[in-house]
Amino acid sequence: MKFEKGIDEKYLKSVNDAFDTILEDGTEVQKEIARLILDSNMLIRVKPVRKINASGQTGLIDPGSTNDRIEEEHLGLREALGEVYIVIAEETIDTGGQRGCEGTLVHEGRHAYDFARTIESFSNADIKPLSIVDPTLYELELEAHRTSGDYMVCINKDEYLDEGLGLMILSRTESGPCVVDDGGIHRRLLESYGLSPDGNQGPRASELLGLDPK
């Protein structure tokens, strides 16, 4: 993993501390994604929220270069992650603290992983034509929201659980503990994104990223 130049030291520390916590307390899947990111050349940016209009975003550093590599090379997952950036809003860390930074990296980290799987599969399409990975926006957001919920339950602190309940990602069982709420996630995806499994699933990852088939 690498940082864009010019990021304030407090944001660098927040991101590094967040990855340490994910590696310590996340699920096995989240730990594996974090290790893959840390071992790759994926780029971390930190920008004011007015420039990204979100708590975080994931995309390609240079779509043209990525398409050239897809055409000319066979990429592995770590190499594909090196084509991807995650940008975190300064305000996410300023107001949400470590909870905000961790939550954004877990959610956007899942997107980065899925984008890398798509890039990897496209680059290997000539030798593995039946192994193309190209999820829809619905599928991307479903996995990212479930991942966020799993992390909140793992951490099991009130501020994390309260956020999950407020976002409809979690619900409480009759006996008290919080669990990931698939029904609530589906409702959130429909109401906030206009996405549903049987209706509008949105564009595929390749369309979002501007990838060309090999």
C-alpha atoms as a PDB file:
ATOM      1  CA  MET A   1       0.000   0.000   0.000  1.00  0.00           C
ATOM      2  CA  LYS A   2       1.193   3.506  -0.704  1.00  0.00           C
ATOM      3  CA  PHE A   3       0.002   6.993   0.243  1.00  0.00           C
ATOM      4  CA  GLU A   4      -0.465   9.928  -2.072  1.00  0.00           C
ATOM      5  CA  LYS A   5       2.066  12.673  -1.347  1.00  0.00           C
ATOM      6  CA  GLY A   6       1.074  15.554   0.899  1.00  0.00           C
ATOM      7  CA  ILE A   7      -1.315  13.784   3.292  1.00  0.00           C
ATOM      8  CA  ASP A   8      -1.327  15.282   6.786  1.00  0.00           C
ATOM      9  CA  GLU A   9       0.428  13.169   9.410  1.00  0.00           C
ATOM     10  CA  LYS A  10      -2.725  12.730  11.512  1.00  0.00           C
ATOM     11  CA  TYR A  11      -4.525  11.127   8.561  1.00  0.00           C
ATOM     12  CA  LEU A  12      -1.577   8.856   7.825  1.00  0.00           C
ATOM     13  CA  LYS A  13      -1.604   7.685  11.440  1.00  0.00           C
ATOM     14  CA  SER A  14      -5.364   7.170  11.409  1.00  0.00           C
ATOM     15  CA  VAL A  15      -5.228   4.967   8.306  1.00  0.00           C
ATOM     16  CA  ASN A  16      -2.285   2.919   9.589  1.00  0.00           C
ATOM     17  CA  ASP A  17      -3.951   2.482  12.987  1.00  0.00           C
ATOM     18  CA  ALA A  18      -7.192   1.444  11.263  1.00  0.00           C
ATOM     19  CA  PHE A  19      -5.439  -1.302   9.314  1.00  0.00           C
ATOM     20  CA  ASP A  20      -3.773  -2.494  12.516  1.00  0.00           C
ATOM     21  CA  THR A  21      -7.192  -2.781  14.176  1.00  0.00           C
ATOM     22  CA  ILE A  22      -8.739  -4.575  11.185  1.00  0.00           C
ATOM     23  CA  LEU A  23      -5.861  -7.080  11.214  1.00  0.00           C
ATOM     24  CA  GLU A  24      -6.321  -7.583  14.944  1.00  0.00           C
ATOM     25  CA  ASP A  25     -10.099  -7.620  15.336  1.00  0.00           C
ATOM     26  CA  GLY A  26     -11.718  -8.078  11.906  1.00  0.00           C
ATOM     27  CA  THR A  27     -13.146 -11.260  10.410  1.00  0.00           C
ATOM     28  CA  GLU A  28     -10.826 -13.678   8.637  1.00  0.00           C
ATOM     29  CA  VAL A  29     -12.008 -12.366   5.259  1.00  0.00           C
ATOM     30  CA  GLN A  30     -11.404  -8.762   6.327  1.00  0.00           C
ATOM     31  CA  LYS A  31      -7.939  -9.662   7.607  1.00  0.00           C
ATOM     32  CA  GLU A  32      -7.093 -11.353   4.306  1.00  0.00           C
ATOM     33  CA  ILE A  33      -8.259  -8.339   2.277  1.00  0.00           C
ATOM     34  CA  ALA A  34      -6.280  -6.004   4.560  1.00  0.00           C
ATOM     35  CA  ARG A  35      -3.145  -8.135   4.121  1.00  0.00           C
ATOM     36  CA  LEU A  36      -3.576  -8.150   0.343  1.00  0.00           C
ATOM     37  CA  ILE A  37      -3.962  -4.360   0.301  1.00  0.00           C
ATOM     38  CA  LEU A  38      -0.955  -3.781   2.547  1.00  0.00           C
ATOM     39  CA  ASP A  39       1.185  -6.091   0.397  1.00  0.00           C
ATOM     40  CA  SER A  40       0.107  -4.349  -2.828  1.00  0.00           C
ATOM     41  CA  ASN A  41       0.717  -0.935  -4.378  1.00  0.00           C
ATOM     42  CA  MET A  42      -2.868   0.203  -3.866  1.00  0.00           C
ATOM     43  CA  LEU A  43      -3.016   3.985  -3.409  1.00  0.00           C
ATOM     44  CA  ILE A  44      -4.577   5.751  -0.417  1.00  0.00           C
ATOM     45  CA  ARG A  45      -5.751   9.336  -0.856  1.00  0.00           C
ATOM     46  CA  VAL A  46      -7.321  11.724   1.679  1.00  0.00           C
ATOM     47  CA  LYS A  47      -9.396  14.622   0.324  1.00  0.00           C
ATOM     48  CA  PRO A  48     -11.969  17.133   1.633  1.00  0.00           C
ATOM     49  CA  VAL A  49     -15.500  15.782   1.398  1.00  0.00           C
ATOM     50  CA  ARG A  50     -16.463  18.566  -1.027  1.00  0.00           C
ATOM     51  CA  LYS A  51     -14.141  16.963  -3.586  1.00  0.00           C
ATOM     52  CA  ILE A  52     -15.543  13.443  -3.364  1.00  0.00           C
ATOM     53  CA  ASN A  53     -19.091  13.955  -2.029  1.00  0.00           C
ATOM     54  CA  ALA A  54     -18.852  10.785   0.060  1.00  0.00           C
ATOM     55  CA  SER A  55     -17.157   9.402   3.154  1.00  0.00           C
ATOM     56  CA  GLY A  56     -14.968   7.356   0.825  1.00  0.00           C
ATOM     57  CA  GLN A  57     -14.665   6.173  -2.764  1.00  0.00           C
ATOM     58  CA  THR A  58     -12.802   3.538  -4.729  1.00  0.00           C
ATOM     59  CA  GLY A  59     -11.667   3.721  -8.345  1.00  0.00           C
ATOM     60  CA  LEU A  60      -8.810   3.312 -10.801  1.00  0.00           C
ATOM     61  CA  ILE A  61      -5.663   5.410 -10.590  1.00  0.00           C
ATOM     62  CA  ASP A  62      -5.298   5.504 -14.390  1.00  0.00           C
ATOM     63  CA  PRO A  63      -8.013   3.647 -16.374  1.00  0.00           C
ATOM     64  CA  GLY A  64      -6.061   3.924 -19.620  1.00  0.00           C
ATOM     65  CA  SER A  65      -2.974   2.342 -18.088  1.00  0.00           C
ATOM     66  CA  THR A  66      -5.100  -0.395 -16.491  1.00  0.00           C
ATOM     67  CA  ASN A  67      -6.669  -1.257 -19.848  1.00  0.00           C
ATOM     68  CA  ASP A  68      -3.216  -1.400 -21.433  1.00  0.00           C
ATOM     69  CA  ARG A  69      -2.088  -3.854 -18.771  1.00  0.00           C
ATOM     70  CA  ILE A  70      -5.238  -5.948 -19.212  1.00  0.00           C
ATOM     71  CA  GLU A  71      -4.504  -6.168 -22.934  1.00  0.00           C
ATOM     72  CA  GLU A  72      -0.800  -6.926 -22.613  1.00  0.00           C
ATOM     73  CA  GLU A  73      -0.357  -8.837 -19.338  1.00  0.00           C
ATOM     74  CA  HIS A  74      -1.724 -11.560 -17.091  1.00  0.00           C
ATOM     75  CA  LEU A  75      -2.178  -9.867 -13.717  1.00  0.00           C
ATOM     76  CA  GLY A  76      -2.397 -11.423 -10.288  1.00  0.00           C
ATOM     77  CA  LEU A  77      -4.657 -10.090  -7.542  1.00  0.00           C
ATOM     78  CA  ARG A  78      -1.954  -8.049  -5.791  1.00  0.00           C
ATOM     79  CA  GLU A  79      -0.850  -6.532  -9.091  1.00  0.00           C
ATOM     80  CA  ALA A  80      -4.470  -5.686  -9.883  1.00  0.00           C
ATOM     81  CA  LEU A  81      -4.868  -3.994  -6.501  1.00  0.00           C
ATOM     82  CA  GLY A  82      -1.987  -1.732  -7.520  1.00  0.00           C
ATOM     83  CA  GLU A  83      -4.276  -0.263 -10.180  1.00  0.00           C
ATOM     84  CA  VAL A  84      -6.811   0.832  -7.546  1.00  0.00           C
ATOM     85  CA  TYR A  85      -7.119   3.774  -5.167  1.00  0.00           C
ATOM     86  CA  ILE A  86      -9.237   4.383  -2.087  1.00  0.00           C
ATOM     87  CA  VAL A  87      -9.928   7.989  -1.143  1.00  0.00           C
ATOM     88  CA  ILE A  88     -11.185   8.888   2.350  1.00  0.00           C
ATOM     89  CA  ALA A  89     -12.807  12.203   3.197  1.00  0.00           C
ATOM     90  CA  GLU A  90     -10.903  14.248   5.757  1.00  0.00           C
ATOM     91  CA  GLU A  91     -14.191  14.826   7.580  1.00  0.00           C
ATOM     92  CA  THR A  92     -14.704  11.068   7.923  1.00  0.00           C
ATOM     93  CA  ILE A  93     -11.664  10.966  10.170  1.00  0.00           C
ATOM     94  CA  ASP A  94     -12.139  14.413  11.744  1.00  0.00           C
ATOM     95  CA  THR A  95     -15.695  13.686  12.913  1.00  0.00           C
ATOM     96  CA  GLY A  96     -15.892   9.893  12.962  1.00  0.00           C
ATOM     97  CA  GLY A  97     -12.446   9.260  14.400  1.00  0.00           C
ATOM     98  CA  GLN A  98     -11.097   5.730  14.213  1.00  0.00           C
ATOM     99  CA  ARG A  99     -14.585   4.276  13.859  1.00  0.00           C
ATOM    100  CA  GLY A 100     -15.099   6.353  10.733  1.00  0.00           C
ATOM    101  CA  CYS A 101     -11.708   5.515   9.277  1.00  0.00           C
ATOM    102  CA  GLU A 102     -11.993   1.798  10.033  1.00  0.00           C
ATOM    103  CA  GLY A 103     -15.535   1.595   8.696  1.00  0.00           C
ATOM    104  CA  THR A 104     -14.619   3.352   5.467  1.00  0.00           C
ATOM    105  CA  LEU A 105     -11.560   1.162   4.906  1.00  0.00           C
ATOM    106  CA  VAL A 106     -13.567  -2.013   5.549  1.00  0.00           C
ATOM    107  CA  HIS A 107     -16.353  -0.951   3.155  1.00  0.00           C
ATOM    108  CA  GLU A 108     -14.137   0.542   0.452  1.00  0.00           C
ATOM    109  CA  GLY A 109     -11.550  -2.188   0.948  1.00  0.00           C
ATOM    110  CA  ARG A 110     -14.173  -4.723  -0.089  1.00  0.00           C
ATOM    111  CA  HIS A 111     -14.862  -2.640  -3.210  1.00  0.00           C
ATOM    112  CA  ALA A 112     -11.112  -2.487  -3.938  1.00  0.00           C
ATOM    113  CA  TYR A 113     -10.865  -6.264  -3.581  1.00  0.00           C
ATOM    114  CA  ASP A 114     -13.820  -6.868  -5.900  1.00  0.00           C
ATOM    115  CA  PHE A 115     -12.494  -4.369  -8.446  1.00  0.00           C
ATOM    116  CA  ALA A 116      -9.106  -6.100  -8.346  1.00  0.00           C
ATOM    117  CA  ARG A 117     -10.757  -9.481  -8.923  1.00  0.00           C
ATOM    118  CA  THR A 118     -12.485  -7.988 -11.969  1.00  0.00           C
ATOM    119  CA  ILE A 119      -9.231  -6.537 -13.338  1.00  0.00           C
ATOM    120  CA  GLU A 120      -7.399  -9.814 -12.709  1.00  0.00           C
ATOM    121  CA  SER A 121     -10.086 -11.869 -14.467  1.00  0.00           C
ATOM    122  CA  PHE A 122     -10.205  -9.529 -17.462  1.00  0.00           C
ATOM    123  CA  SER A 123      -6.426  -9.720 -17.887  1.00  0.00           C
ATOM    124  CA  ASN A 124      -6.585 -13.528 -17.857  1.00  0.00           C
ATOM    125  CA  ALA A 125      -9.661 -13.837 -20.084  1.00  0.00           C
ATOM    126  CA  ASP A 126      -7.662 -15.279 -22.978  1.00  0.00           C
ATOM    127  CA  ILE A 127      -6.533 -18.265 -20.889  1.00  0.00           C
ATOM    128  CA  LYS A 128      -9.489 -18.460 -18.453  1.00  0.00           C
ATOM    129  CA  PRO A 129     -12.509 -17.303 -20.476  1.00  0.00           C
ATOM    130  CA  LEU A 130     -14.996 -18.927 -18.093  1.00  0.00           C
ATOM    131  CA  SER A 131     -13.573 -17.222 -14.992  1.00  0.00           C
ATOM    132  CA  ILE A 132     -14.636 -13.624 -15.661  1.00  0.00           C
ATOM    133  CA  VAL A 133     -15.612 -11.720 -12.499  1.00  0.00           C
ATOM    134  CA  ASP A 134     -17.823  -8.698 -13.212  1.00  0.00           C
ATOM    135  CA  PRO A 135     -20.312  -7.999 -10.383  1.00  0.00           C
ATOM    136  CA  THR A 136     -23.156  -5.525 -10.684  1.00  0.00           C
ATOM    137  CA  LEU A 137     -23.332  -2.411  -8.515  1.00  0.00           C
ATOM    138  CA  TYR A 138     -26.015  -4.168  -6.468  1.00  0.00           C
ATOM    139  CA  GLU A 139     -23.698  -7.127  -5.854  1.00  0.00           C
ATOM    140  CA  LEU A 140     -20.784  -4.820  -5.007  1.00  0.00           C
ATOM    141  CA  GLU A 141     -22.801  -2.820  -2.484  1.00  0.00           C
ATOM    142  CA  LEU A 142     -24.425  -5.902  -0.984  1.00  0.00           C
ATOM    143  CA  GLU A 143     -21.014  -7.426  -0.218  1.00  0.00           C
ATOM    144  CA  ALA A 144     -19.594  -4.140   1.066  1.00  0.00           C
ATOM    145  CA  HIS A 145     -22.586  -3.536   3.375  1.00  0.00           C
ATOM    146  CA  ARG A 146     -22.463  -7.101   4.708  1.00  0.00           C
ATOM    147  CA  THR A 147     -18.737  -6.691   5.293  1.00  0.00           C
ATOM    148  CA  SER A 148     -19.372  -3.459   7.200  1.00  0.00           C
ATOM    149  CA  GLY A 149     -21.983  -5.178   9.344  1.00  0.00           C
ATOM    150  CA  ASP A 150     -19.711  -8.116  10.093  1.00  0.00           C
ATOM    151  CA  TYR A 151     -17.019  -5.684  11.232  1.00  0.00           C
ATOM    152  CA  MET A 152     -19.367  -3.766  13.516  1.00  0.00           C
ATOM    153  CA  VAL A 153     -20.466  -7.012  15.178  1.00  0.00           C
ATOM    154  CA  CYS A 154     -16.819  -8.121  15.560  1.00  0.00           C
ATOM    155  CA  ILE A 155     -15.808  -4.883  17.266  1.00  0.00           C
ATOM    156  CA  ASN A 156     -18.968  -5.011  19.417  1.00  0.00           C
ATOM    157  CA  LYS A 157     -18.725  -1.491  20.841  1.00  0.00           C
ATOM    158  CA  ASP A 158     -21.772   0.711  21.311  1.00  0.00           C
ATOM    159  CA  GLU A 159     -20.682   3.450  18.865  1.00  0.00           C
ATOM    160  CA  TYR A 160     -20.119   0.869  16.103  1.00  0.00           C
ATOM    161  CA  LEU A 161     -23.338  -1.013  16.822  1.00  0.00           C
ATOM    162  CA  ASP A 162     -25.398   2.169  17.061  1.00  0.00           C
ATOM    163  CA  GLU A 163     -24.135   3.271  13.655  1.00  0.00           C
ATOM    164  CA  GLY A 164     -25.026  -0.110  12.159  1.00  0.00           C
ATOM    165  CA  LEU A 165     -28.504   0.008  13.645  1.00  0.00           C
ATOM    166  CA  GLY A 166     -29.025   3.529  12.327  1.00  0.00           C
ATOM    167  CA  LEU A 167     -27.952   2.498   8.827  1.00  0.00           C
ATOM    168  CA  MET A 168     -30.232  -0.594   8.871  1.00  0.00           C
ATOM    169  CA  ILE A 169     -27.163  -2.804   8.432  1.00  0.00           C
ATOM    170  CA  LEU A 170     -27.693  -4.375  11.862  1.00  0.00           C
ATOM    171  CA  SER A 171     -30.699  -5.356  13.943  1.00  0.00           C
ATOM    172  CA  ARG A 172     -31.108  -6.660  17.487  1.00  0.00           C
ATOM    173  CA  THR A 173     -32.249 -10.185  18.253  1.00  0.00           C
ATOM    174  CA  GLU A 174     -34.901 -10.776  20.914  1.00  0.00           C
ATOM    175  CA  SER A 175     -32.164 -11.841  23.310  1.00  0.00           C
ATOM    176  CA  GLY A 176     -30.242  -8.617  22.746  1.00  0.00           C
ATOM    177  CA  PRO A 177     -27.130  -9.144  20.567  1.00  0.00           C
ATOM    178  CA  CYS A 178     -26.803  -7.353  17.237  1.00  0.00           C
ATOM    179  CA  VAL A 179     -26.651  -9.304  13.980  1.00  0.00           C
ATOM    180  CA  VAL A 180     -26.191  -8.384  10.327  1.00  0.00           C
ATOM    181  CA  ASP A 181     -29.654  -7.674   8.899  1.00  0.00           C
ATOM    182  CA  ASP A 182     -29.921  -8.750   5.249  1.00  0.00           C
ATOM    183  CA  GLY A 183     -33.466  -7.414   5.069  1.00  0.00           C
ATOM    184  CA  GLY A 184     -32.342  -4.026   6.320  1.00  0.00           C
ATOM    185  CA  ILE A 185     -29.443  -3.977   3.874  1.00  0.00           C
ATOM    186  CA  HIS A 186     -31.772  -4.774   0.960  1.00  0.00           C
ATOM    187  CA  ARG A 187     -34.071  -1.963   2.081  1.00  0.00           C
ATOM    188  CA  ARG A 188     -31.121   0.444   2.341  1.00  0.00           C
ATOM    189  CA  LEU A 189     -29.866  -0.490  -1.126  1.00  0.00           C
ATOM    190  CA  LEU A 190     -33.302   0.095  -2.586  1.00  0.00           C
ATOM    191  CA  GLU A 191     -34.013   3.367  -0.782  1.00  0.00           C
ATOM    192  CA  SER A 192     -30.522   4.902  -0.967  1.00  0.00           C
ATOM    193  CA  TYR A 193     -29.209   3.461  -4.233  1.00  0.00           C
ATOM    194  CA  GLY A 194     -32.327   2.409  -6.153  1.00  0.00           C
ATOM    195  CA  LEU A 195     -30.926  -1.126  -6.409  1.00  0.00           C
ATOM    196  CA  SER A 196     -32.665  -4.463  -5.971  1.00  0.00           C
ATOM    197  CA  PRO A 197     -31.874  -8.117  -6.814  1.00  0.00           C
ATOM    198  CA  ASP A 198     -34.926  -8.548  -9.040  1.00  0.00           C
ATOM    199  CA  GLY A 199     -35.006  -5.055 -10.552  1.00  0.00           C
ATOM    200  CA  ASN A 200     -32.300  -2.498 -11.206  1.00  0.00           C
ATOM    201  CA  GLN A 201     -28.913  -3.992 -10.320  1.00  0.00           C
ATOM    202  CA  GLY A 202     -27.020  -1.056 -11.801  1.00  0.00           C
ATOM    203  CA  PRO A 203     -23.920  -1.150 -14.010  1.00  0.00           C
ATOM    204  CA  ARG A 204     -21.293  -3.839 -13.785  1.00  0.00           C
ATOM    205  CA  ALA A 205     -17.870  -3.217 -12.274  1.00  0.00           C
ATOM    206  CA  SER A 206     -16.287  -3.114 -15.730  1.00  0.00           C
ATOM    207  CA  GLU A 207     -18.659  -0.303 -16.731  1.00  0.00           C
ATOM    208  CA  LEU A 208     -18.012   1.625 -13.519  1.00  0.00           C
ATOM    209  CA  LEU A 209     -14.275   1.350 -14.065  1.00  0.00           C
ATOM    210  CA  GLY A 210     -14.257   1.799 -17.836  1.00  0.00           C
ATOM    211  CA  LEU A 211     -12.575  -1.557 -18.486  1.00  0.00           C
ATOM    212  CA  ASP A 212     -12.281  -2.995 -21.976  1.00  0.00           C
ATOM    213  CA  PRO A 213     -12.486  -6.753 -22.633  1.00  0.00           C
ATOM    214  CA  LYS A 214      -9.263  -8.473 -23.699  1.00  0.00           C
END
